[in-house]
């Protein structure tokens, strides 16, 4: 019984690449516009680098810091506004899978020992929700209307963040930033 009490609690963590402040504000405005019509929870604009993985906070922070040391700042370029098939990939900006974008994820997932059943698809979600295909198409069209050049924007990724992200909590109220790291320039 005592051994269990000493064991640190595990939580679900994710590593996010954060856009620069000017792009963050632009994305937040777009996301607010989409939520006003289609609902869904509010969340920080981010590109998931490492998906949800269960760890103790100490272990997650150690892995995060060591992973970040090996990643240099890189450019992300949007390919198009796209739609997905589940809650956390409802409407998103599909990013070009450039070597730098793919390498950042590969490097970090290696440090975390993260294994995914699907290949990495770099994207920045604009809207979370369970919408019909018709509603998703409307939201996709509205995103392009609200910000006409969003489907081809490029931005620098110079910060990674470790977030506690309980994927069972679709309100996202329990999601919180645990640590942030400024990446070295190229």
C-alpha atoms as a PDB file:
ATOM      1  CA  UNK A   1       0.000   0.000   0.000  1.00  0.00           C
ATOM      2  CA  UNK A   2       2.759   2.492   0.930  1.00  0.00           C
ATOM      3  CA  UNK A   3       4.633   1.962  -2.355  1.00  0.00           C
ATOM      4  CA  UNK A   4       1.572   3.113  -4.285  1.00  0.00           C
ATOM      5  CA  UNK A   5       1.334   6.343  -2.271  1.00  0.00           C
ATOM      6  CA  UNK A   6       4.937   7.282  -3.161  1.00  0.00           C
ATOM      7  CA  UNK A   7       4.421   6.682  -6.889  1.00  0.00           C
ATOM      8  CA  UNK A   8       3.898   9.985  -8.712  1.00  0.00           C
ATOM      9  CA  UNK A   9       0.636  10.410 -10.592  1.00  0.00           C
ATOM     10  CA  UNK A  10       0.751  10.169 -14.365  1.00  0.00           C
ATOM     11  CA  UNK A  11      -0.991  12.656 -16.608  1.00  0.00           C
ATOM     12  CA  UNK A  12      -1.322  13.034 -20.358  1.00  0.00           C
ATOM     13  CA  UNK A  13       1.129  15.440 -21.996  1.00  0.00           C
ATOM     14  CA  UNK A  14       1.673  16.790 -25.510  1.00  0.00           C
ATOM     15  CA  UNK A  15       4.414  18.895 -27.073  1.00  0.00           C
ATOM     16  CA  UNK A  16       3.206  21.849 -29.107  1.00  0.00           C
ATOM     17  CA  UNK A  17       5.018  24.165 -31.513  1.00  0.00           C
ATOM     18  CA  UNK A  18       3.756  27.704 -30.898  1.00  0.00           C
ATOM     19  CA  UNK A  19       3.360  30.291 -33.655  1.00  0.00           C
ATOM     20  CA  UNK A  20       4.853  33.787 -33.159  1.00  0.00           C
ATOM     21  CA  UNK A  21       2.667  36.384 -31.428  1.00  0.00           C
ATOM     22  CA  UNK A  22       1.484  38.178 -34.606  1.00  0.00           C
ATOM     23  CA  UNK A  23       0.376  34.891 -36.199  1.00  0.00           C
ATOM     24  CA  UNK A  24      -1.133  33.724 -32.877  1.00  0.00           C
ATOM     25  CA  UNK A  25      -3.362  36.827 -32.767  1.00  0.00           C
ATOM     26  CA  UNK A  26      -4.405  36.342 -36.391  1.00  0.00           C
ATOM     27  CA  UNK A  27      -5.237  32.685 -35.728  1.00  0.00           C
ATOM     28  CA  UNK A  28      -7.117  33.463 -32.505  1.00  0.00           C
ATOM     29  CA  UNK A  29      -9.319  35.941 -34.402  1.00  0.00           C
ATOM     30  CA  UNK A  30     -10.017  33.314 -37.061  1.00  0.00           C
ATOM     31  CA  UNK A  31     -10.720  30.629 -34.437  1.00  0.00           C
ATOM     32  CA  UNK A  32     -13.098  32.967 -32.565  1.00  0.00           C
ATOM     33  CA  UNK A  33     -14.951  33.660 -35.816  1.00  0.00           C
ATOM     34  CA  UNK A  34     -15.362  29.922 -36.465  1.00  0.00           C
ATOM     35  CA  UNK A  35     -16.471  29.149 -32.884  1.00  0.00           C
ATOM     36  CA  UNK A  36     -19.090  31.913 -33.031  1.00  0.00           C
ATOM     37  CA  UNK A  37     -20.889  29.951 -35.757  1.00  0.00           C
ATOM     38  CA  UNK A  38     -19.894  26.323 -35.159  1.00  0.00           C
ATOM     39  CA  UNK A  39     -19.256  26.170 -31.387  1.00  0.00           C
ATOM     40  CA  UNK A  40     -16.457  24.145 -29.816  1.00  0.00           C
ATOM     41  CA  UNK A  41     -13.954  24.833 -27.031  1.00  0.00           C
ATOM     42  CA  UNK A  42     -11.327  27.594 -27.018  1.00  0.00           C
ATOM     43  CA  UNK A  43      -7.664  26.528 -27.228  1.00  0.00           C
ATOM     44  CA  UNK A  44      -4.244  27.993 -27.960  1.00  0.00           C
ATOM     45  CA  UNK A  45      -3.131  27.931 -31.612  1.00  0.00           C
ATOM     46  CA  UNK A  46      -0.485  25.216 -31.890  1.00  0.00           C
ATOM     47  CA  UNK A  47       1.066  22.537 -34.062  1.00  0.00           C
ATOM     48  CA  UNK A  48       1.195  19.215 -32.216  1.00  0.00           C
ATOM     49  CA  UNK A  49       4.759  17.871 -32.328  1.00  0.00           C
ATOM     50  CA  UNK A  50       4.275  14.946 -29.909  1.00  0.00           C
ATOM     51  CA  UNK A  51       0.767  13.566 -29.403  1.00  0.00           C
ATOM     52  CA  UNK A  52      -0.813  12.599 -26.081  1.00  0.00           C
ATOM     53  CA  UNK A  53       1.488  10.447 -23.945  1.00  0.00           C
ATOM     54  CA  UNK A  54       1.029   9.379 -20.315  1.00  0.00           C
ATOM     55  CA  UNK A  55       3.938  10.301 -17.991  1.00  0.00           C
ATOM     56  CA  UNK A  56       4.680  11.737 -14.567  1.00  0.00           C
ATOM     57  CA  UNK A  57       5.147  15.506 -14.685  1.00  0.00           C
ATOM     58  CA  UNK A  58       8.831  15.232 -13.708  1.00  0.00           C
ATOM     59  CA  UNK A  59       9.494  12.681 -16.464  1.00  0.00           C
ATOM     60  CA  UNK A  60       7.565  14.754 -19.034  1.00  0.00           C
ATOM     61  CA  UNK A  61       9.510  17.932 -18.169  1.00  0.00           C
ATOM     62  CA  UNK A  62      12.880  16.106 -18.305  1.00  0.00           C
ATOM     63  CA  UNK A  63      12.080  14.540 -21.686  1.00  0.00           C
ATOM     64  CA  UNK A  64      10.745  17.875 -22.977  1.00  0.00           C
ATOM     65  CA  UNK A  65      13.890  19.813 -22.020  1.00  0.00           C
ATOM     66  CA  UNK A  66      16.244  17.225 -23.467  1.00  0.00           C
ATOM     67  CA  UNK A  67      14.201  16.997 -26.711  1.00  0.00           C
ATOM     68  CA  UNK A  68      14.128  20.792 -27.152  1.00  0.00           C
ATOM     69  CA  UNK A  69      17.915  21.100 -26.949  1.00  0.00           C
ATOM     70  CA  UNK A  70      18.184  19.240 -30.260  1.00  0.00           C
ATOM     71  CA  UNK A  71      15.613  21.271 -32.225  1.00  0.00           C
ATOM     72  CA  UNK A  72      16.428  24.490 -34.058  1.00  0.00           C
ATOM     73  CA  UNK A  73      13.854  27.133 -35.001  1.00  0.00           C
ATOM     74  CA  UNK A  74      12.154  26.268 -38.286  1.00  0.00           C
ATOM     75  CA  UNK A  75       9.586  27.554 -40.764  1.00  0.00           C
ATOM     76  CA  UNK A  76       6.085  26.145 -41.093  1.00  0.00           C
ATOM     77  CA  UNK A  77       4.092  26.809 -44.272  1.00  0.00           C
ATOM     78  CA  UNK A  78       0.366  26.248 -44.636  1.00  0.00           C
ATOM     79  CA  UNK A  79      -0.723  24.165 -47.601  1.00  0.00           C
ATOM     80  CA  UNK A  80      -4.487  24.661 -47.222  1.00  0.00           C
ATOM     81  CA  UNK A  81      -7.465  24.775 -44.876  1.00  0.00           C
ATOM     82  CA  UNK A  82      -8.586  21.151 -44.472  1.00  0.00           C
ATOM     83  CA  UNK A  83     -11.097  19.046 -42.552  1.00  0.00           C
ATOM     84  CA  UNK A  84     -10.589  15.832 -40.619  1.00  0.00           C
ATOM     85  CA  UNK A  85     -12.573  12.927 -39.288  1.00  0.00           C
ATOM     86  CA  UNK A  86     -12.511  13.361 -35.513  1.00  0.00           C
ATOM     87  CA  UNK A  87     -13.043  15.913 -32.721  1.00  0.00           C
ATOM     88  CA  UNK A  88      -9.426  17.114 -32.443  1.00  0.00           C
ATOM     89  CA  UNK A  89      -8.967  17.382 -36.222  1.00  0.00           C
ATOM     90  CA  UNK A  90     -12.246  18.993 -37.233  1.00  0.00           C
ATOM     91  CA  UNK A  91     -11.015  21.992 -39.248  1.00  0.00           C
ATOM     92  CA  UNK A  92      -7.298  22.722 -39.486  1.00  0.00           C
ATOM     93  CA  UNK A  93      -4.460  24.248 -41.450  1.00  0.00           C
ATOM     94  CA  UNK A  94      -2.572  21.447 -43.166  1.00  0.00           C
ATOM     95  CA  UNK A  95       1.146  22.231 -43.093  1.00  0.00           C
ATOM     96  CA  UNK A  96       3.651  21.308 -45.775  1.00  0.00           C
ATOM     97  CA  UNK A  97       5.573  18.236 -44.533  1.00  0.00           C
ATOM     98  CA  UNK A  98       8.982  19.829 -45.101  1.00  0.00           C
ATOM     99  CA  UNK A  99      12.083  18.036 -43.798  1.00  0.00           C
ATOM    100  CA  UNK A 100      12.406  20.545 -40.895  1.00  0.00           C
ATOM    101  CA  UNK A 101       8.775  20.120 -39.821  1.00  0.00           C
ATOM    102  CA  UNK A 102       8.964  16.331 -39.988  1.00  0.00           C
ATOM    103  CA  UNK A 103      12.389  16.194 -38.296  1.00  0.00           C
ATOM    104  CA  UNK A 104      11.203  18.318 -35.331  1.00  0.00           C
ATOM    105  CA  UNK A 105       8.432  15.804 -34.658  1.00  0.00           C
ATOM    106  CA  UNK A 106      10.625  12.766 -35.261  1.00  0.00           C
ATOM    107  CA  UNK A 107      13.323  14.120 -32.944  1.00  0.00           C
ATOM    108  CA  UNK A 108      10.877  14.950 -30.132  1.00  0.00           C
ATOM    109  CA  UNK A 109       8.813  11.765 -30.411  1.00  0.00           C
ATOM    110  CA  UNK A 110      12.091   9.826 -30.178  1.00  0.00           C
ATOM    111  CA  UNK A 111      12.949  11.523 -26.868  1.00  0.00           C
ATOM    112  CA  UNK A 112       9.478  10.788 -25.513  1.00  0.00           C
ATOM    113  CA  UNK A 113       9.392   7.203 -26.774  1.00  0.00           C
ATOM    114  CA  UNK A 114       6.079   8.098 -28.439  1.00  0.00           C
ATOM    115  CA  UNK A 115       4.658   5.662 -30.962  1.00  0.00           C
ATOM    116  CA  UNK A 116       1.755   6.594 -33.194  1.00  0.00           C
ATOM    117  CA  UNK A 117      -0.358   4.225 -35.237  1.00  0.00           C
ATOM    118  CA  UNK A 118      -0.718   6.869 -37.968  1.00  0.00           C
ATOM    119  CA  UNK A 119       2.023   8.745 -39.847  1.00  0.00           C
ATOM    120  CA  UNK A 120       2.670  12.309 -38.627  1.00  0.00           C
ATOM    121  CA  UNK A 121       0.432  14.863 -40.330  1.00  0.00           C
ATOM    122  CA  UNK A 122       1.620  18.351 -39.390  1.00  0.00           C
ATOM    123  CA  UNK A 123      -1.363  20.622 -38.862  1.00  0.00           C
ATOM    124  CA  UNK A 124      -2.638  23.542 -36.831  1.00  0.00           C
ATOM    125  CA  UNK A 125      -6.215  23.038 -35.656  1.00  0.00           C
ATOM    126  CA  UNK A 126      -8.649  25.923 -36.017  1.00  0.00           C
ATOM    127  CA  UNK A 127     -11.774  24.249 -34.644  1.00  0.00           C
ATOM    128  CA  UNK A 128     -12.428  21.232 -32.433  1.00  0.00           C
ATOM    129  CA  UNK A 129     -15.827  19.603 -32.659  1.00  0.00           C
ATOM    130  CA  UNK A 130     -18.010  16.780 -33.875  1.00  0.00           C
ATOM    131  CA  UNK A 131     -19.523  18.396 -36.963  1.00  0.00           C
ATOM    132  CA  UNK A 132     -21.266  16.758 -39.895  1.00  0.00           C
ATOM    133  CA  UNK A 133     -19.328  16.665 -43.174  1.00  0.00           C
ATOM    134  CA  UNK A 134     -21.598  19.435 -44.480  1.00  0.00           C
ATOM    135  CA  UNK A 135     -20.894  21.645 -41.427  1.00  0.00           C
ATOM    136  CA  UNK A 136     -17.145  20.996 -41.767  1.00  0.00           C
ATOM    137  CA  UNK A 137     -17.250  22.139 -45.399  1.00  0.00           C
ATOM    138  CA  UNK A 138     -19.097  25.315 -44.307  1.00  0.00           C
ATOM    139  CA  UNK A 139     -16.512  25.931 -41.569  1.00  0.00           C
ATOM    140  CA  UNK A 140     -13.686  25.336 -44.055  1.00  0.00           C
ATOM    141  CA  UNK A 141     -15.243  27.867 -46.467  1.00  0.00           C
ATOM    142  CA  UNK A 142     -15.796  30.362 -43.623  1.00  0.00           C
ATOM    143  CA  UNK A 143     -12.121  30.066 -42.552  1.00  0.00           C
ATOM    144  CA  UNK A 144     -11.029  30.953 -46.087  1.00  0.00           C
ATOM    145  CA  UNK A 145     -13.534  33.826 -46.139  1.00  0.00           C
ATOM    146  CA  UNK A 146     -12.549  35.242 -42.722  1.00  0.00           C
ATOM    147  CA  UNK A 147      -8.838  35.243 -43.599  1.00  0.00           C
ATOM    148  CA  UNK A 148      -8.349  34.940 -47.350  1.00  0.00           C
ATOM    149  CA  UNK A 149      -4.574  34.345 -47.291  1.00  0.00           C
ATOM    150  CA  UNK A 150      -4.498  31.951 -44.298  1.00  0.00           C
ATOM    151  CA  UNK A 151      -4.283  28.969 -46.655  1.00  0.00           C
ATOM    152  CA  UNK A 152      -0.755  29.903 -47.721  1.00  0.00           C
ATOM    153  CA  UNK A 153       0.798  31.678 -44.726  1.00  0.00           C
ATOM    154  CA  UNK A 154       4.342  30.834 -43.530  1.00  0.00           C
ATOM    155  CA  UNK A 155       5.624  31.455 -40.014  1.00  0.00           C
ATOM    156  CA  UNK A 156       8.640  30.772 -37.853  1.00  0.00           C
ATOM    157  CA  UNK A 157       8.420  28.179 -35.080  1.00  0.00           C
ATOM    158  CA  UNK A 158      10.823  29.314 -32.379  1.00  0.00           C
ATOM    159  CA  UNK A 159       9.018  28.079 -29.256  1.00  0.00           C
ATOM    160  CA  UNK A 160       7.937  24.645 -28.110  1.00  0.00           C
ATOM    161  CA  UNK A 161       5.638  24.102 -25.136  1.00  0.00           C
ATOM    162  CA  UNK A 162       4.775  21.136 -22.958  1.00  0.00           C
ATOM    163  CA  UNK A 163       1.052  20.978 -22.219  1.00  0.00           C
ATOM    164  CA  UNK A 164      -0.961  18.743 -19.942  1.00  0.00           C
ATOM    165  CA  UNK A 165      -3.728  17.630 -22.294  1.00  0.00           C
ATOM    166  CA  UNK A 166      -6.291  15.212 -20.935  1.00  0.00           C
ATOM    167  CA  UNK A 167      -7.883  14.090 -24.203  1.00  0.00           C
ATOM    168  CA  UNK A 168     -10.963  12.850 -22.309  1.00  0.00           C
ATOM    169  CA  UNK A 169     -11.710  16.483 -21.366  1.00  0.00           C
ATOM    170  CA  UNK A 170     -13.354  17.873 -24.499  1.00  0.00           C
ATOM    171  CA  UNK A 171     -14.098  21.146 -22.696  1.00  0.00           C
ATOM    172  CA  UNK A 172     -10.265  21.577 -22.510  1.00  0.00           C
ATOM    173  CA  UNK A 173     -10.691  23.327 -19.140  1.00  0.00           C
ATOM    174  CA  UNK A 174      -8.062  21.053 -17.563  1.00  0.00           C
ATOM    175  CA  UNK A 175      -5.477  21.696 -20.303  1.00  0.00           C
ATOM    176  CA  UNK A 176      -2.542  23.766 -19.108  1.00  0.00           C
ATOM    177  CA  UNK A 177       0.948  24.807 -20.119  1.00  0.00           C
ATOM    178  CA  UNK A 178       3.619  23.151 -17.968  1.00  0.00           C
ATOM    179  CA  UNK A 179       6.817  24.411 -19.619  1.00  0.00           C
ATOM    180  CA  UNK A 180       8.007  26.451 -22.583  1.00  0.00           C
ATOM    181  CA  UNK A 181      11.321  26.467 -24.444  1.00  0.00           C
ATOM    182  CA  UNK A 182      12.781  29.037 -26.834  1.00  0.00           C
ATOM    183  CA  UNK A 183      14.515  27.246 -29.705  1.00  0.00           C
ATOM    184  CA  UNK A 184      17.915  28.336 -30.969  1.00  0.00           C
ATOM    185  CA  UNK A 185      17.994  30.056 -34.357  1.00  0.00           C
ATOM    186  CA  UNK A 186      19.199  28.192 -37.465  1.00  0.00           C
END
